[in-house]
Protein backbone atom coordinates (compact mmCIF):
# COMPACT_ATOMS: atom_id res chain seq x y z
CA MET A 1 -25.52 -24.92 15.25
CA GLU A 2 -26.48 -21.48 15.38
CA ALA A 3 -23.26 -20.56 17.21
CA LEU A 4 -21.45 -22.11 13.99
CA HIS A 5 -23.68 -19.80 11.78
CA VAL A 6 -22.77 -16.49 13.73
CA THR A 7 -18.67 -17.23 13.81
CA GLU A 8 -18.94 -18.12 9.54
CA MET A 9 -20.71 -14.32 9.42
CA PHE A 10 -16.98 -12.65 10.91
CA LYS A 11 -14.28 -12.49 7.87
CA ASN A 12 -10.75 -12.14 8.38
CA LYS A 13 -9.04 -10.30 5.36
CA LYS A 14 -4.95 -9.87 5.63
CA ILE A 15 -4.09 -6.62 3.49
CA LEU A 16 -0.01 -6.76 2.88
CA MET A 17 1.26 -3.01 2.89
CA LEU A 18 4.22 -2.51 0.86
CA GLY A 19 6.66 0.55 0.02
CA LEU A 20 9.99 2.58 0.46
CA ASP A 21 10.79 3.63 3.90
CA ASN A 22 9.32 7.15 4.65
CA ALA A 23 6.20 6.24 2.07
CA GLY A 24 3.74 6.99 4.70
CA LYS A 25 2.72 3.42 4.95
CA THR A 26 2.41 3.67 9.07
CA SER A 27 0.40 7.37 8.68
CA ILE A 28 -2.04 5.67 6.22
CA ILE A 29 -2.72 2.99 8.97
CA LEU A 30 -3.58 5.73 11.28
CA ASN A 31 -5.83 7.58 9.40
CA PHE A 32 -7.68 3.95 8.79
CA THR A 33 -7.85 3.57 12.59
CA GLY A 34 -9.35 6.90 12.87
CA ASN A 35 -6.07 8.63 14.73
CA ARG A 36 -5.93 11.82 13.36
CA ASN A 37 -3.76 13.27 16.37
CA LEU A 38 -1.36 15.25 14.72
CA LEU A 39 1.12 14.59 17.62
CA SER A 40 0.70 10.73 16.57
CA TYR A 41 2.14 11.36 13.16
CA MET A 42 5.05 13.32 14.69
CA SER A 43 6.33 10.61 16.76
CA LEU A 44 6.24 7.97 14.10
CA GLU A 45 9.03 5.43 14.28
CA PRO A 46 10.52 3.37 11.09
CA THR A 47 9.02 0.38 10.88
CA THR A 48 11.17 -2.62 11.09
CA GLY A 49 10.18 -6.42 10.13
CA VAL A 50 6.21 -6.20 10.24
CA ASP A 51 3.92 -4.69 12.08
CA ILE A 52 0.51 -6.24 11.89
CA THR A 53 -2.84 -3.70 12.87
CA ASN A 54 -5.91 -5.52 13.13
CA LEU A 55 -8.98 -3.25 12.44
CA PRO A 56 -12.38 -4.75 12.97
CA ILE A 57 -15.11 -3.10 10.49
CA SER A 58 -18.41 -4.35 11.14
CA ASP A 59 -18.27 -8.14 10.75
CA THR A 60 -14.66 -8.34 9.12
CA THR A 61 -11.55 -7.68 10.12
CA PHE A 62 -9.07 -6.13 8.30
CA HIS A 63 -5.20 -7.13 9.11
CA PHE A 64 -2.73 -4.42 8.15
CA TRP A 65 0.46 -6.17 7.56
CA GLU A 66 3.08 -3.50 7.02
CA LEU A 67 6.43 -4.09 6.01
CA GLY A 68 9.49 -2.24 6.78
CA GLY A 69 10.77 -0.06 3.81
CA GLN A 70 14.10 0.45 4.42
CA GLU A 71 16.70 -1.45 1.97
CA SER A 72 17.49 -4.02 4.55
CA VAL A 73 14.33 -4.80 5.33
CA ARG A 74 12.83 -4.74 1.80
CA MET A 75 15.46 -7.46 0.53
CA GLU A 76 14.47 -9.69 3.84
CA SER A 77 10.69 -9.43 3.07
CA LEU A 78 11.15 -10.41 -0.30
CA ALA A 79 13.33 -13.33 0.41
CA GLU A 80 10.53 -14.19 2.81
CA PHE A 81 7.77 -13.27 0.36
CA ASN A 82 5.84 -16.57 0.03
CA ASP A 83 5.17 -16.70 3.44
CA LEU A 84 4.47 -13.33 3.72
CA VAL A 85 1.91 -13.01 0.83
CA ALA A 86 0.08 -16.19 2.03
CA GLY A 87 -3.57 -15.49 2.60
CA THR A 88 -3.34 -12.27 1.50
CA PHE A 89 -6.81 -10.34 0.30
CA LYS A 90 -5.40 -7.20 -1.43
CA ILE A 91 -2.02 -5.75 -1.57
CA ILE A 92 -1.55 -1.46 -0.55
CA TYR A 93 1.50 -0.29 -2.62
CA VAL A 94 2.48 3.19 -1.12
CA ILE A 95 4.70 5.57 -3.35
CA ASP A 96 5.45 9.05 -1.44
CA VAL A 97 4.66 11.02 -4.71
CA GLN A 98 6.71 14.05 -3.59
CA ASP A 99 10.00 11.91 -3.27
CA VAL A 100 10.59 12.35 -7.22
CA ALA A 101 14.17 11.25 -6.72
CA ARG A 102 13.37 7.55 -5.39
CA TYR A 103 10.63 7.14 -7.99
CA SER A 104 12.75 4.58 -9.92
CA LEU A 105 13.18 2.87 -6.53
CA ALA A 106 10.02 2.34 -5.67
CA ILE A 107 8.75 1.17 -9.10
CA ASP A 108 11.98 -1.21 -9.32
CA PHE A 109 10.70 -2.62 -6.02
CA PHE A 110 6.77 -2.76 -6.87
CA ASP A 111 8.42 -4.72 -10.32
CA GLU A 112 10.04 -7.44 -8.21
CA ILE A 113 7.08 -7.72 -6.12
CA VAL A 114 4.80 -8.08 -8.77
CA LYS A 115 7.26 -10.57 -10.49
CA LYS A 116 7.48 -12.66 -6.77
CA LEU A 117 3.61 -12.86 -7.13
CA VAL A 118 3.47 -13.93 -10.85
CA ASP A 119 5.94 -16.57 -10.20
CA MET A 120 4.15 -17.85 -7.18
CA SER A 121 0.39 -17.64 -9.05
CA GLN A 122 -1.18 -15.34 -6.79
CA TYR A 123 -2.83 -12.29 -8.25
CA PRO A 124 -4.48 -10.45 -5.49
CA GLU A 125 -5.83 -7.10 -6.34
CA ILE A 126 -3.26 -4.71 -5.99
CA ILE A 127 -4.11 -0.73 -5.16
CA VAL A 128 -1.19 1.90 -5.13
CA PHE A 129 -1.61 4.91 -2.93
CA LEU A 130 0.44 8.13 -4.55
CA HIS A 131 0.63 9.21 -1.16
CA LYS A 132 1.61 12.68 0.17
CA PHE A 133 -0.43 14.01 -2.48
CA ASP A 134 -0.96 16.96 -0.77
CA PRO A 135 -3.63 19.83 -1.58
CA MET A 136 -0.62 22.29 -2.62
CA LEU A 137 0.83 19.89 -5.40
CA GLU A 138 -2.52 20.03 -7.43
CA ASP A 139 -0.90 22.95 -9.06
CA ASP A 140 2.20 22.45 -9.49
CA PRO A 141 3.45 21.52 -12.98
CA GLU A 142 6.09 18.44 -11.57
CA PHE A 143 2.84 16.59 -10.57
CA ALA A 144 0.06 17.64 -13.50
CA HIS A 145 -1.75 14.48 -14.32
CA ASP A 146 -0.07 13.70 -17.41
CA VAL A 147 3.48 13.68 -15.87
CA ILE A 148 2.09 11.57 -12.77
CA GLN A 149 0.84 9.21 -15.60
CA ASP A 150 4.25 8.80 -17.59
CA LYS A 151 6.68 8.77 -14.62
CA LEU A 152 4.61 6.26 -12.15
CA VAL A 153 1.18 5.32 -13.25
CA GLY A 154 2.09 3.96 -16.80
CA LYS A 155 4.98 2.12 -15.44
CA ILE A 156 2.68 0.44 -12.77
CA GLN A 157 0.21 -0.28 -15.35
CA SER A 158 2.80 -1.80 -17.28
CA ILE A 159 4.24 -4.12 -15.02
CA VAL A 160 0.73 -5.18 -13.39
CA GLY A 161 -0.44 -6.48 -17.15
CA GLU A 162 -3.80 -7.84 -17.05
CA LYS A 163 -3.43 -10.64 -14.57
CA PHE A 164 -4.29 -8.16 -11.80
CA SER A 165 -6.63 -5.86 -10.92
CA LEU A 166 -5.27 -2.52 -10.17
CA VAL A 167 -6.86 0.83 -8.69
CA VAL A 168 -4.59 3.98 -8.41
CA TYR A 169 -5.39 6.51 -5.60
CA LYS A 170 -4.07 9.95 -4.82
CA THR A 171 -3.86 9.87 -0.80
CA THR A 172 -2.77 12.47 1.67
CA ILE A 173 -3.26 12.47 5.61
CA PHE A 174 -5.66 15.49 4.80
CA ALA A 175 -7.99 13.83 2.79
CA LEU A 176 -8.28 9.76 2.50
CA PHE A 177 -8.46 8.66 -1.10
CA GLN A 178 -9.06 10.03 -4.45
CA LYS A 179 -9.17 7.88 -7.33
CA MET A 180 -7.22 8.60 -10.27
CA GLU A 181 -8.52 7.99 -13.63
CA PHE A 182 -6.51 6.41 -16.20
């Protein structure tokens, strides 16, 4: 009986990580695992399909399911979304904040994901990382708070609506998180 009690204490949490190619999903996972070696970041290859990283923290193991972001992989992921989302605790959606030319594409893909979740009546917490928000951007008018609110955050909030819990963070490999207040 005691062994059963100990096993019940351990938890598994699946986190689905999505976004366009080159958004920085893999670098975020490297950061989570504590790998901050610059050479590790420089040698990253695009994720094709699903890459699963298991990260034990205390009595919980977080299973990061990172989905590739190339167009063909995104379409395949959406086609298999019901299977991929099964058992998901949280969804992390990553947007390369410096890739202004692809904001619309990133928002459209996010919208497709949320529609799939609603169709399935699945409402995991959604976390959006506005990634590559490097320190040099803080003073750039193109990335001012109100501009990011208008071009990204406001659109994300309207897609999510009230059925989901949503948190938005500015992230960079230089520092893990800075929560945005909107």
